[in-house]
Amino acid sequence: MKAAKVRGFQAAEEAKPFFKARDACIDLSGCPLIMGILNATPDSFSDGGSCRSPLEAAWLGMRMEADGASIIDVGGESTRPGAKSVDEKEELRRVLPVFRKLSGKTRALLSIDTCKAAVAREAIKAGASIVNDTSAMTDDPEMADVVRETGCAVVLVHRGGAPETMRSRPHYECLFDEIIRDLAGRVEFALERGIERDRILIDPGVGFGKRFEDNLDLHRNLDRLAVLGRPIVFGPSRKSFIGALTNRLPKDRAFGTAASVAVAVMKGAGILRVHDVKEMREVIQVASAIRGASE
């Protein structure tokens, strides 16, 4: 049965298994890729403050590449629920030294996790080729111009509210219909602003303004996002729904994360955003092989 089309989007079987990021063309036809999480923040929910200097952060990024990460996602502002926004100057102070130390020393693609256009632009100058925007380019109207002008890839994340408010009684009438509608709208916005389709990725935003039951539903129905015809990024690593199920602290949620990652691979995720790169690499390899055998 052919997948339905959404307002002119490619059907699942028509989607191209690659994306472009500046001059790179990234093949997604094989085993899903790993995006390693590198937080240059003092207050991230799982590992805030673990990197005490740009040198330590760069060393961690290099280790992620050695362990199997194809992308290193550097963030200077926590997006955990309830997190306070930091100003542009502080965010740049946190991330730019990390990019400068990693750029040219790793074959992994570098990604900037930010909602601020000015931060994205400076990170791109320092070596980033992907913008991971948890607001799907709604927070800063200039973000689309930065992505278009630089030829970077952009990850459009579905988020229910801002970090400060997204735990405040999130509610959905029909979760996946709303996610598909919202992400389709953001993809259309990107296209209208001149961003090439091959440079757009989508992320349903597990943990971003979602209730416990919503996060579970994201796993069960993740393959429905294929109707949008864009690669799927999925980032469940160490998140609170895993803690609710396992009663584990964030640093002890690797096994729960592994289960989530395996399901996401089976449901069509092309990129998994994780903290524990070495462990999740094996999970992804096995789940991908099983999925390939089933297909």
Protein backbone atom coordinates (compact mmCIF):
# COMPACT_ATOMS: atom_id res chain seq x y z
CA MET A 1 0.00 0.00 0.00
CA LYS A 2 1.37 3.39 -0.95
CA ALA A 3 1.79 6.02 1.75
CA ALA A 4 -0.59 8.94 1.55
CA LYS A 5 0.72 12.29 0.43
CA VAL A 6 0.49 15.38 2.61
CA ARG A 7 -0.08 18.65 0.76
CA GLY A 8 2.29 17.83 -2.07
CA PHE A 9 4.97 16.05 -0.04
CA GLN A 10 6.75 12.99 -1.37
CA ALA A 11 5.35 9.60 -0.39
CA ALA A 12 7.52 7.40 1.81
CA GLU A 13 8.80 5.20 -1.02
CA GLU A 14 9.76 8.33 -3.02
CA ALA A 15 11.87 9.86 -0.25
CA LYS A 16 15.55 10.18 -1.11
CA PRO A 17 17.80 8.39 1.44
CA PHE A 18 20.31 11.23 1.79
CA PHE A 19 20.62 14.84 2.85
CA LYS A 20 22.99 17.67 2.01
CA ALA A 21 24.94 19.74 4.53
CA ARG A 22 27.01 22.51 2.93
CA ASP A 23 29.27 20.62 0.48
CA ALA A 24 28.62 17.17 1.95
CA CYS A 25 26.05 14.67 0.70
CA ILE A 26 25.19 12.20 3.47
CA ASP A 27 23.97 8.73 2.54
CA LEU A 28 21.17 7.40 4.76
CA SER A 29 20.43 4.24 2.81
CA GLY A 30 22.37 1.98 5.18
CA CYS A 31 22.62 1.76 8.95
CA PRO A 32 21.16 4.82 10.72
CA LEU A 33 23.67 7.45 11.77
CA ILE A 34 24.52 8.61 15.27
CA MET A 35 24.40 12.25 16.33
CA GLY A 36 26.44 12.56 19.51
CA ILE A 37 25.21 15.06 22.10
CA LEU A 38 27.92 17.47 23.25
CA ASN A 39 26.56 19.93 25.81
CA ALA A 40 28.67 22.99 26.56
CA THR A 41 26.21 23.99 29.29
CA PRO A 42 26.18 24.04 33.09
CA ASP A 43 22.52 23.00 33.40
CA SER A 44 21.56 20.33 30.85
CA PHE A 45 19.33 17.70 32.45
CA SER A 46 21.73 14.79 31.96
CA ASP A 47 25.32 16.00 31.71
CA GLY A 48 25.33 19.72 32.41
CA GLY A 49 28.72 20.92 33.60
CA SER A 50 30.50 17.67 32.72
CA CYS A 51 32.81 19.49 30.29
CA ARG A 52 34.68 22.07 32.32
CA SER A 53 36.58 23.57 29.40
CA PRO A 54 36.44 23.75 25.59
CA LEU A 55 39.41 21.37 25.51
CA GLU A 56 37.47 18.76 27.51
CA ALA A 57 34.43 19.23 25.27
CA ALA A 58 36.55 18.82 22.15
CA TRP A 59 38.15 15.68 23.58
CA LEU A 60 34.68 14.26 24.24
CA GLY A 61 33.64 15.09 20.69
CA MET A 62 36.68 13.28 19.28
CA ARG A 63 35.89 10.28 21.46
CA MET A 64 32.32 10.29 20.14
CA GLU A 65 33.64 10.14 16.59
CA ALA A 66 35.95 7.26 17.50
CA ASP A 67 33.01 5.45 19.08
CA GLY A 68 30.88 5.78 15.94
CA ALA A 69 29.26 9.23 15.79
CA SER A 70 28.87 10.65 12.28
CA ILE A 71 27.56 13.97 13.64
CA ILE A 72 28.53 15.90 16.77
CA ASP A 73 25.78 18.23 18.01
CA VAL A 74 27.15 21.08 20.14
CA GLY A 75 24.75 23.06 22.31
CA GLY A 76 25.27 26.07 24.54
CA GLU A 77 21.75 26.49 25.89
CA SER A 78 19.80 23.83 27.75
CA THR A 79 16.48 22.85 26.16
CA ARG A 80 15.30 20.75 29.10
CA PRO A 81 11.77 21.54 30.32
CA GLY A 82 11.86 24.55 32.63
CA ALA A 83 15.26 25.76 31.43
CA LYS A 84 15.86 29.50 31.35
CA SER A 85 17.00 31.13 28.13
CA VAL A 86 20.55 32.47 27.92
CA ASP A 87 21.54 35.50 25.92
CA GLU A 88 23.30 35.34 22.58
CA LYS A 89 26.66 36.51 23.92
CA GLU A 90 26.77 33.82 26.61
CA GLU A 91 25.70 31.07 24.21
CA LEU A 92 28.45 32.07 21.79
CA ARG A 93 31.00 32.16 24.62
CA ARG A 94 30.13 28.56 25.41
CA VAL A 95 30.08 27.02 21.94
CA LEU A 96 32.52 28.86 19.69
CA PRO A 97 35.71 27.63 21.41
CA VAL A 98 34.42 24.06 21.10
CA PHE A 99 33.81 24.41 17.36
CA ARG A 100 37.20 26.01 16.85
CA LYS A 101 38.94 23.12 18.60
CA LEU A 102 36.93 20.45 16.75
CA SER A 103 36.87 21.98 13.27
CA GLY A 104 39.45 20.37 11.01
CA LYS A 105 40.28 17.71 13.60
CA THR A 106 37.27 15.43 13.08
CA ARG A 107 35.67 13.89 10.02
CA ALA A 108 32.30 13.94 11.77
CA LEU A 109 29.86 16.65 10.69
CA LEU A 110 29.47 19.41 13.25
CA SER A 111 26.01 20.59 14.25
CA ILE A 112 24.95 23.63 16.27
CA ASP A 113 21.99 23.12 18.59
CA THR A 114 20.48 26.60 18.77
CA CYS A 115 17.37 28.65 18.08
CA LYS A 116 19.30 31.89 17.54
CA ALA A 117 20.27 32.91 14.01
CA ALA A 118 23.31 34.89 15.12
CA VAL A 119 24.65 31.92 17.10
CA ALA A 120 24.07 29.61 14.14
CA ARG A 121 25.88 31.99 11.77
CA GLU A 122 28.97 32.24 13.97
CA ALA A 123 29.02 28.48 14.62
CA ILE A 124 28.85 27.86 10.87
CA LYS A 125 31.82 30.17 10.36
CA ALA A 126 33.63 28.06 12.95
CA GLY A 127 32.83 24.78 11.19
CA ALA A 128 29.19 23.75 11.71
CA SER A 129 27.30 22.36 8.72
CA ILE A 130 23.98 21.47 10.41
CA VAL A 131 21.62 23.68 12.42
CA ASN A 132 19.54 21.73 14.94
CA ASP A 133 16.71 24.16 15.76
CA THR A 134 14.32 22.93 18.47
CA SER A 135 11.90 25.71 17.56
CA ALA A 136 11.77 24.61 13.89
CA MET A 137 12.84 28.16 12.94
CA THR A 138 9.95 29.85 14.75
CA ASP A 139 11.92 31.57 17.55
CA ASP A 140 14.15 33.64 15.28
CA PRO A 141 12.78 34.84 11.92
CA GLU A 142 16.32 35.24 10.55
CA MET A 143 17.26 31.56 11.01
CA ALA A 144 15.92 30.54 7.59
CA ASP A 145 18.10 33.16 5.92
CA VAL A 146 21.19 31.82 7.69
CA VAL A 147 20.44 28.25 6.61
CA ARG A 148 19.70 29.25 3.01
CA GLU A 149 22.73 31.52 2.63
CA THR A 150 25.19 29.01 4.09
CA GLY A 151 23.79 25.84 2.51
CA CYS A 152 23.64 24.07 5.85
CA ALA A 153 21.22 21.30 6.68
CA VAL A 154 18.51 22.11 9.22
CA VAL A 155 16.72 19.85 11.69
CA LEU A 156 13.16 21.04 12.27
CA VAL A 157 12.05 19.85 15.71
CA HIS A 158 8.43 19.68 16.83
CA ARG A 159 8.16 21.42 20.19
CA GLY A 160 5.08 22.03 22.30
CA GLY A 161 5.81 25.47 23.76
CA ALA A 162 9.12 27.01 24.83
CA PRO A 163 11.46 25.21 27.27
CA GLU A 164 10.24 27.45 30.10
CA THR A 165 6.60 26.45 29.54
CA MET A 166 6.45 23.11 27.70
CA ARG A 167 5.60 21.15 30.84
CA SER A 168 2.57 23.36 31.45
CA ARG A 169 -0.35 21.04 30.68
CA PRO A 170 0.58 19.91 27.16
CA HIS A 171 -2.47 18.62 25.31
CA TYR A 172 -3.12 17.14 21.89
CA GLU A 173 -6.44 16.18 20.31
CA CYS A 174 -4.69 13.79 17.92
CA LEU A 175 -0.94 13.73 18.55
CA PHE A 176 0.43 12.49 15.25
CA ASP A 177 -2.02 14.34 13.06
CA GLU A 178 -0.92 17.53 14.80
CA ILE A 179 2.80 16.71 14.57
CA ILE A 180 2.53 15.89 10.87
CA ARG A 181 0.52 19.05 10.21
CA ASP A 182 2.93 21.24 12.17
CA LEU A 183 6.10 19.77 10.67
CA ALA A 184 4.61 19.88 7.16
CA GLY A 185 3.98 23.57 7.74
CA ARG A 186 7.54 24.18 8.88
CA VAL A 187 8.95 22.28 5.90
CA GLU A 188 6.79 24.39 3.59
CA PHE A 189 8.01 27.54 5.35
CA ALA A 190 11.63 26.45 4.81
CA LEU A 191 10.99 25.76 1.14
CA GLU A 192 9.28 29.12 0.70
CA ARG A 193 12.33 30.82 2.23
CA GLY A 194 14.59 29.20 -0.36
CA ILE A 195 16.01 26.27 1.63
CA GLU A 196 16.46 23.21 -0.59
CA ARG A 197 14.34 20.18 0.30
CA ASP A 198 17.45 17.97 0.44
CA ARG A 199 18.79 20.10 3.29
CA ILE A 200 15.74 19.61 5.55
CA LEU A 201 15.41 16.96 8.27
CA ILE A 202 12.55 16.47 10.73
CA ASP A 203 12.38 15.49 14.40
CA PRO A 204 9.08 14.77 16.23
CA GLY A 205 10.52 16.17 19.45
CA VAL A 206 10.30 13.37 21.99
CA GLY A 207 10.23 15.05 25.40
CA PHE A 208 9.56 18.52 23.98
CA GLY A 209 6.14 19.47 25.29
CA LYS A 210 4.93 15.87 25.30
CA ARG A 211 3.20 13.94 28.07
CA PHE A 212 4.44 10.51 29.18
CA GLU A 213 1.85 8.75 27.02
CA ASP A 214 2.67 11.02 24.08
CA ASN A 215 6.33 10.02 24.20
CA LEU A 216 5.36 6.35 24.06
CA ASP A 217 2.98 7.06 21.19
CA LEU A 218 5.79 8.74 19.28
CA HIS A 219 7.62 5.41 19.22
CA ARG A 220 4.60 3.40 18.12
CA ASN A 221 3.77 5.74 15.24
CA LEU A 222 7.15 7.14 14.23
CA ASP A 223 6.93 5.54 10.79
CA ARG A 224 3.94 7.76 9.98
CA LEU A 225 6.35 10.67 9.57
CA ALA A 226 7.60 9.03 6.38
CA VAL A 227 4.67 10.71 4.63
CA LEU A 228 6.68 13.95 4.81
CA GLY A 229 9.46 12.42 2.72
CA ARG A 230 12.31 13.80 4.84
CA PRO A 231 14.90 11.98 6.99
CA ILE A 232 13.79 11.44 10.58
CA VAL A 233 15.97 12.45 13.53
CA PHE A 234 15.02 10.95 16.90
CA GLY A 235 16.50 11.95 20.26
CA PRO A 236 15.19 9.94 23.24
CA SER A 237 18.51 9.72 25.07
CA ARG A 238 18.16 9.58 28.90
CA LYS A 239 14.85 11.48 28.83
CA SER A 240 12.30 11.66 31.62
CA PHE A 241 9.84 9.16 30.16
CA ILE A 242 12.61 6.56 30.47
CA GLY A 243 13.17 7.60 34.07
CA ALA A 244 9.44 7.30 34.77
CA LEU A 245 9.49 3.73 33.49
CA THR A 246 12.76 2.58 35.05
CA ASN A 247 13.07 4.81 38.13
CA ARG A 248 16.64 5.60 37.07
CA LEU A 249 18.56 8.87 37.20
CA PRO A 250 19.55 10.35 33.81
CA LYS A 251 23.11 9.01 33.91
CA ASP A 252 21.77 5.48 34.53
CA ARG A 253 19.26 5.38 31.66
CA ALA A 254 21.45 3.78 28.99
CA PHE A 255 19.52 0.51 28.92
CA GLY A 256 16.17 2.28 28.71
CA THR A 257 17.57 4.51 25.99
CA ALA A 258 18.74 1.41 24.12
CA ALA A 259 15.19 0.05 24.00
CA SER A 260 13.88 3.36 22.69
CA VAL A 261 16.63 3.60 20.06
CA ALA A 262 15.97 0.05 18.85
CA VAL A 263 12.28 0.80 18.36
CA ALA A 264 13.07 4.05 16.56
CA VAL A 265 15.40 2.24 14.15
CA MET A 266 12.71 -0.35 13.43
CA LYS A 267 10.25 2.49 12.77
CA GLY A 268 12.44 4.27 10.25
CA ALA A 269 14.61 6.82 12.09
CA GLY A 270 17.64 7.74 10.00
CA ILE A 271 19.61 9.59 12.69
CA LEU A 272 19.64 8.86 16.43
CA ARG A 273 20.69 11.68 18.76
CA VAL A 274 22.30 10.10 21.86
CA HIS A 275 24.73 10.63 24.73
CA ASP A 276 26.13 7.09 24.96
CA VAL A 277 27.57 6.73 21.47
CA LYS A 278 29.57 3.53 21.88
CA GLU A 279 26.70 1.59 23.45
CA MET A 280 24.03 2.89 21.08
CA ARG A 281 26.16 2.09 18.04
CA GLU A 282 25.77 -1.62 18.76
CA VAL A 283 22.05 -1.24 19.43
CA ILE A 284 21.60 0.54 16.10
CA GLN A 285 23.68 -2.02 14.21
CA VAL A 286 21.63 -4.96 15.52
CA ALA A 287 18.23 -3.27 15.15
CA SER A 288 19.13 -2.13 11.63
CA ALA A 289 20.14 -5.66 10.64
CA ILE A 290 16.89 -7.06 12.01
CA ARG A 291 14.88 -4.39 10.23
CA GLY A 292 16.71 -5.13 6.99
CA ALA A 293 16.00 -8.84 7.35
CA SER A 294 12.30 -8.16 7.98
CA GLU A 295 12.09 -6.00 4.86
